[in-house]
C-alpha cells in the first residue's frame, strides 16, 4: 500500500429536500461551478460553529431567498470527487415564508418524488434521491363542491 496517498479533504455540506404539495424542490447547478449541470438539493457548506440545521436554514435564506423549517434527516452520504470528499446530510424541509428564487442555480423545479431519479444528480445526492423517490407526501386537499 502506498503511504504517500493523502486522505482527501472532507467537505461537510447540507441539502434541503423542500416538500410542497407532494413535490420536492430540485436545483440544477449553474455554469462555472464545480459539477455544473448536475441536479442537487439546495444547501451548502456547514460553517465553523454551526449545527447542520443552522447551516441549512442560513444557506436556504442566502441561496433561495426564502425560509424553511428543517424537519427530519433523510440520510448522510459521502462521495469522493477530485476536489475532496463531500459528506452530505440531506433533510426534509418545509417552506415557512417566501417563494424559492433562482439566484445560484441554472434552474429549479418542483418534481414528483417518483420522477426524481430521471434527473442527472450529483453522485453524493444519489442515496437521498433513492430514499425520497419512494416517499409519499400528501397533497393539499382541494375543496370539492
C-alpha atoms as a PDB file:
ATOM      1  CA  UNK A   1       0.000   0.000   0.000  1.00  0.00           C
ATOM      2  CA  UNK A   2       1.308   3.444  -0.921  1.00  0.00           C
ATOM      3  CA  UNK A   3       1.877   5.538   2.198  1.00  0.00           C
ATOM      4  CA  UNK A   4       2.078   8.750   0.121  1.00  0.00           C
ATOM      5  CA  UNK A   5      -1.632   8.664  -0.672  1.00  0.00           C
ATOM      6  CA  UNK A   6      -3.292  11.600   1.050  1.00  0.00           C
ATOM      7  CA  UNK A   7      -6.702  11.464   2.614  1.00  0.00           C
ATOM      8  CA  UNK A   8      -9.000  13.756   0.596  1.00  0.00           C
ATOM      9  CA  UNK A   9     -10.186  16.957   2.241  1.00  0.00           C
ATOM     10  CA  UNK A  10     -13.554  16.420   3.995  1.00  0.00           C
ATOM     11  CA  UNK A  11     -16.190  18.966   2.979  1.00  0.00           C
ATOM     12  CA  UNK A  12     -19.299  18.825   5.204  1.00  0.00           C
ATOM     13  CA  UNK A  13     -22.448  20.076   3.476  1.00  0.00           C
ATOM     14  CA  UNK A  14     -26.207  20.018   3.980  1.00  0.00           C
ATOM     15  CA  UNK A  15     -29.040  19.770   1.472  1.00  0.00           C
ATOM     16  CA  UNK A  16     -32.725  20.661   1.712  1.00  0.00           C
ATOM     17  CA  UNK A  17     -35.367  18.409   0.187  1.00  0.00           C
ATOM     18  CA  UNK A  18     -38.069  21.085   0.355  1.00  0.00           C
ATOM     19  CA  UNK A  19     -41.512  19.490   0.121  1.00  0.00           C
ATOM     20  CA  UNK A  20     -44.597  21.327  -1.154  1.00  0.00           C
ATOM     21  CA  UNK A  21     -47.895  19.929  -2.428  1.00  0.00           C
ATOM     22  CA  UNK A  22     -46.441  16.435  -2.816  1.00  0.00           C
ATOM     23  CA  UNK A  23     -43.401  17.602  -4.815  1.00  0.00           C
ATOM     24  CA  UNK A  24     -39.751  18.240  -3.922  1.00  0.00           C
ATOM     25  CA  UNK A  25     -37.645  21.258  -4.951  1.00  0.00           C
ATOM     26  CA  UNK A  26     -34.612  20.274  -7.033  1.00  0.00           C
ATOM     27  CA  UNK A  27     -31.905  22.641  -8.282  1.00  0.00           C
ATOM     28  CA  UNK A  28     -29.577  22.360 -11.271  1.00  0.00           C
ATOM     29  CA  UNK A  29     -26.036  23.623 -10.616  1.00  0.00           C
ATOM     30  CA  UNK A  30     -25.077  26.688 -12.624  1.00  0.00           C
ATOM     31  CA  UNK A  31     -22.350  27.018 -15.241  1.00  0.00           C
ATOM     32  CA  UNK A  32     -18.911  27.921 -13.931  1.00  0.00           C
ATOM     33  CA  UNK A  33     -19.421  25.922 -10.712  1.00  0.00           C
ATOM     34  CA  UNK A  34     -17.973  22.525  -9.923  1.00  0.00           C
ATOM     35  CA  UNK A  35     -20.411  19.807 -11.019  1.00  0.00           C
ATOM     36  CA  UNK A  36     -22.176  22.287 -13.337  1.00  0.00           C
ATOM     37  CA  UNK A  37     -25.343  20.884 -14.888  1.00  0.00           C
ATOM     38  CA  UNK A  38     -25.899  18.254 -12.202  1.00  0.00           C
ATOM     39  CA  UNK A  39     -29.044  18.366 -10.082  1.00  0.00           C
ATOM     40  CA  UNK A  40     -28.822  18.726  -6.311  1.00  0.00           C
ATOM     41  CA  UNK A  41     -30.776  19.622  -3.216  1.00  0.00           C
ATOM     42  CA  UNK A  42     -30.230  23.321  -2.414  1.00  0.00           C
ATOM     43  CA  UNK A  43     -27.894  23.929   0.511  1.00  0.00           C
ATOM     44  CA  UNK A  44     -24.201  24.344   1.128  1.00  0.00           C
ATOM     45  CA  UNK A  45     -21.236  24.111   3.461  1.00  0.00           C
ATOM     46  CA  UNK A  46     -21.510  23.927   7.225  1.00  0.00           C
ATOM     47  CA  UNK A  47     -19.521  26.851   8.676  1.00  0.00           C
ATOM     48  CA  UNK A  48     -17.487  26.661  11.899  1.00  0.00           C
ATOM     49  CA  UNK A  49     -19.739  26.884  14.953  1.00  0.00           C
ATOM     50  CA  UNK A  50     -22.941  25.962  13.054  1.00  0.00           C
ATOM     51  CA  UNK A  51     -25.076  22.891  13.506  1.00  0.00           C
ATOM     52  CA  UNK A  52     -26.183  21.213  10.266  1.00  0.00           C
ATOM     53  CA  UNK A  53     -29.729  22.580  10.780  1.00  0.00           C
ATOM     54  CA  UNK A  54     -28.472  26.154  11.334  1.00  0.00           C
ATOM     55  CA  UNK A  55     -26.262  25.892   8.247  1.00  0.00           C
ATOM     56  CA  UNK A  56     -29.183  24.687   6.149  1.00  0.00           C
ATOM     57  CA  UNK A  57     -31.506  27.485   7.281  1.00  0.00           C
ATOM     58  CA  UNK A  58     -28.770  30.067   6.519  1.00  0.00           C
ATOM     59  CA  UNK A  59     -27.930  28.549   3.132  1.00  0.00           C
ATOM     60  CA  UNK A  60     -31.582  28.445   2.016  1.00  0.00           C
ATOM     61  CA  UNK A  61     -32.103  32.079   3.061  1.00  0.00           C
ATOM     62  CA  UNK A  62     -28.964  33.098   1.089  1.00  0.00           C
ATOM     63  CA  UNK A  63     -29.452  30.811  -1.902  1.00  0.00           C
ATOM     64  CA  UNK A  64     -33.228  30.774  -2.427  1.00  0.00           C
ATOM     65  CA  UNK A  65     -34.277  33.935  -0.536  1.00  0.00           C
ATOM     66  CA  UNK A  66     -36.897  32.063   1.488  1.00  0.00           C
ATOM     67  CA  UNK A  67     -37.224  30.477   4.909  1.00  0.00           C
ATOM     68  CA  UNK A  68     -37.650  26.787   5.677  1.00  0.00           C
ATOM     69  CA  UNK A  69     -38.432  24.627   8.673  1.00  0.00           C
ATOM     70  CA  UNK A  70     -35.751  21.930   8.800  1.00  0.00           C
ATOM     71  CA  UNK A  71     -37.509  18.648   9.588  1.00  0.00           C
ATOM     72  CA  UNK A  72     -36.070  15.130   9.819  1.00  0.00           C
ATOM     73  CA  UNK A  73     -32.797  13.958   8.252  1.00  0.00           C
ATOM     74  CA  UNK A  74     -33.105  11.640   5.244  1.00  0.00           C
ATOM     75  CA  UNK A  75     -29.520  10.316   5.247  1.00  0.00           C
ATOM     76  CA  UNK A  76     -25.840  11.232   5.302  1.00  0.00           C
ATOM     77  CA  UNK A  77     -23.816  10.202   2.253  1.00  0.00           C
ATOM     78  CA  UNK A  78     -20.164  10.522   1.252  1.00  0.00           C
ATOM     79  CA  UNK A  79     -18.630  10.718  -2.202  1.00  0.00           C
ATOM     80  CA  UNK A  80     -15.021  11.372  -3.177  1.00  0.00           C
ATOM     81  CA  UNK A  81     -14.638  13.850  -6.027  1.00  0.00           C
ATOM     82  CA  UNK A  82     -11.348  15.096  -7.497  1.00  0.00           C
ATOM     83  CA  UNK A  83     -11.548  18.173  -5.218  1.00  0.00           C
ATOM     84  CA  UNK A  84     -12.254  16.284  -1.956  1.00  0.00           C
ATOM     85  CA  UNK A  85     -14.672  14.053  -0.103  1.00  0.00           C
ATOM     86  CA  UNK A  86     -18.136  15.544   0.271  1.00  0.00           C
ATOM     87  CA  UNK A  87     -20.233  14.451   3.248  1.00  0.00           C
ATOM     88  CA  UNK A  88     -23.841  15.458   2.578  1.00  0.00           C
ATOM     89  CA  UNK A  89     -26.623  15.334   5.145  1.00  0.00           C
ATOM     90  CA  UNK A  90     -29.995  15.800   3.464  1.00  0.00           C
ATOM     91  CA  UNK A  91     -33.022  16.973   5.465  1.00  0.00           C
ATOM     92  CA  UNK A  92     -36.710  17.072   4.624  1.00  0.00           C
ATOM     93  CA  UNK A  93     -37.795  20.720   4.850  1.00  0.00           C
ATOM     94  CA  UNK A  94     -40.985  22.756   4.548  1.00  0.00           C
ATOM     95  CA  UNK A  95     -41.408  26.337   3.355  1.00  0.00           C
ATOM     96  CA  UNK A  96     -42.165  28.778   6.166  1.00  0.00           C
ATOM     97  CA  UNK A  97     -42.145  32.020   4.194  1.00  0.00           C
ATOM     98  CA  UNK A  98     -41.230  33.329   0.769  1.00  0.00           C
ATOM     99  CA  UNK A  99     -41.032  31.644  -2.603  1.00  0.00           C
ATOM    100  CA  UNK A 100     -37.789  29.947  -3.722  1.00  0.00           C
ATOM    101  CA  UNK A 101     -35.971  32.387  -6.023  1.00  0.00           C
ATOM    102  CA  UNK A 102     -33.365  31.493  -8.625  1.00  0.00           C
ATOM    103  CA  UNK A 103     -30.059  33.091  -7.530  1.00  0.00           C
ATOM    104  CA  UNK A 104     -27.336  30.428  -7.811  1.00  0.00           C
ATOM    105  CA  UNK A 105     -28.884  27.567  -9.765  1.00  0.00           C
ATOM    106  CA  UNK A 106     -29.308  27.293 -13.527  1.00  0.00           C
ATOM    107  CA  UNK A 107     -32.894  26.249 -12.850  1.00  0.00           C
ATOM    108  CA  UNK A 108     -35.092  24.952 -10.055  1.00  0.00           C
ATOM    109  CA  UNK A 109     -38.076  22.633 -10.422  1.00  0.00           C
ATOM    110  CA  UNK A 110     -40.769  21.073  -8.250  1.00  0.00           C
ATOM    111  CA  UNK A 111     -40.569  17.350  -9.046  1.00  0.00           C
ATOM    112  CA  UNK A 112     -42.760  14.398  -8.085  1.00  0.00           C
ATOM    113  CA  UNK A 113     -40.643  12.089  -5.864  1.00  0.00           C
ATOM    114  CA  UNK A 114     -41.044   9.123  -8.228  1.00  0.00           C
ATOM    115  CA  UNK A 115     -39.670  11.235 -11.105  1.00  0.00           C
ATOM    116  CA  UNK A 116     -36.572  12.465  -9.243  1.00  0.00           C
ATOM    117  CA  UNK A 117     -34.306   9.576 -10.396  1.00  0.00           C
ATOM    118  CA  UNK A 118     -34.797  10.665 -14.031  1.00  0.00           C
ATOM    119  CA  UNK A 119     -32.697  13.801 -13.392  1.00  0.00           C
ATOM    120  CA  UNK A 120     -28.879  13.784 -13.679  1.00  0.00           C
ATOM    121  CA  UNK A 121     -27.993  14.074  -9.966  1.00  0.00           C
ATOM    122  CA  UNK A 122     -24.594  14.829  -8.447  1.00  0.00           C
ATOM    123  CA  UNK A 123     -23.174  11.498  -7.217  1.00  0.00           C
ATOM    124  CA  UNK A 124     -23.301  12.393  -3.499  1.00  0.00           C
ATOM    125  CA  UNK A 125     -27.072  13.034  -3.815  1.00  0.00           C
ATOM    126  CA  UNK A 126     -27.938   9.565  -5.182  1.00  0.00           C
ATOM    127  CA  UNK A 127     -28.704   7.886  -1.834  1.00  0.00           C
ATOM    128  CA  UNK A 128     -31.060  10.684  -0.718  1.00  0.00           C
ATOM    129  CA  UNK A 129     -32.771  10.724  -4.137  1.00  0.00           C
ATOM    130  CA  UNK A 130     -33.286   6.964  -3.943  1.00  0.00           C
ATOM    131  CA  UNK A 131     -34.825   7.216  -0.469  1.00  0.00           C
ATOM    132  CA  UNK A 132     -37.012  10.248  -1.212  1.00  0.00           C
ATOM    133  CA  UNK A 133     -38.224   8.814  -4.544  1.00  0.00           C
ATOM    134  CA  UNK A 134     -40.070   6.113  -2.564  1.00  0.00           C
ATOM    135  CA  UNK A 135     -41.698   8.536  -0.126  1.00  0.00           C
ATOM    136  CA  UNK A 136     -45.268   9.718  -0.479  1.00  0.00           C
ATOM    137  CA  UNK A 137     -46.038  13.279   0.515  1.00  0.00           C
ATOM    138  CA  UNK A 138     -49.646  14.302   0.878  1.00  0.00           C
ATOM    139  CA  UNK A 139     -51.008  16.949  -1.451  1.00  0.00           C
ATOM    140  CA  UNK A 140     -53.092  19.776  -0.077  1.00  0.00           C
ATOM    141  CA  UNK A 141     -56.725  18.801  -0.108  1.00  0.00           C
ATOM    142  CA  UNK A 142     -58.824  20.702  -2.617  1.00  0.00           C
ATOM    143  CA  UNK A 143     -62.379  21.567  -1.787  1.00  0.00           C
ATOM    144  CA  UNK A 144     -64.993  19.638  -3.728  1.00  0.00           C
ATOM    145  CA  UNK A 145     -68.419  21.109  -4.272  1.00  0.00           C
END
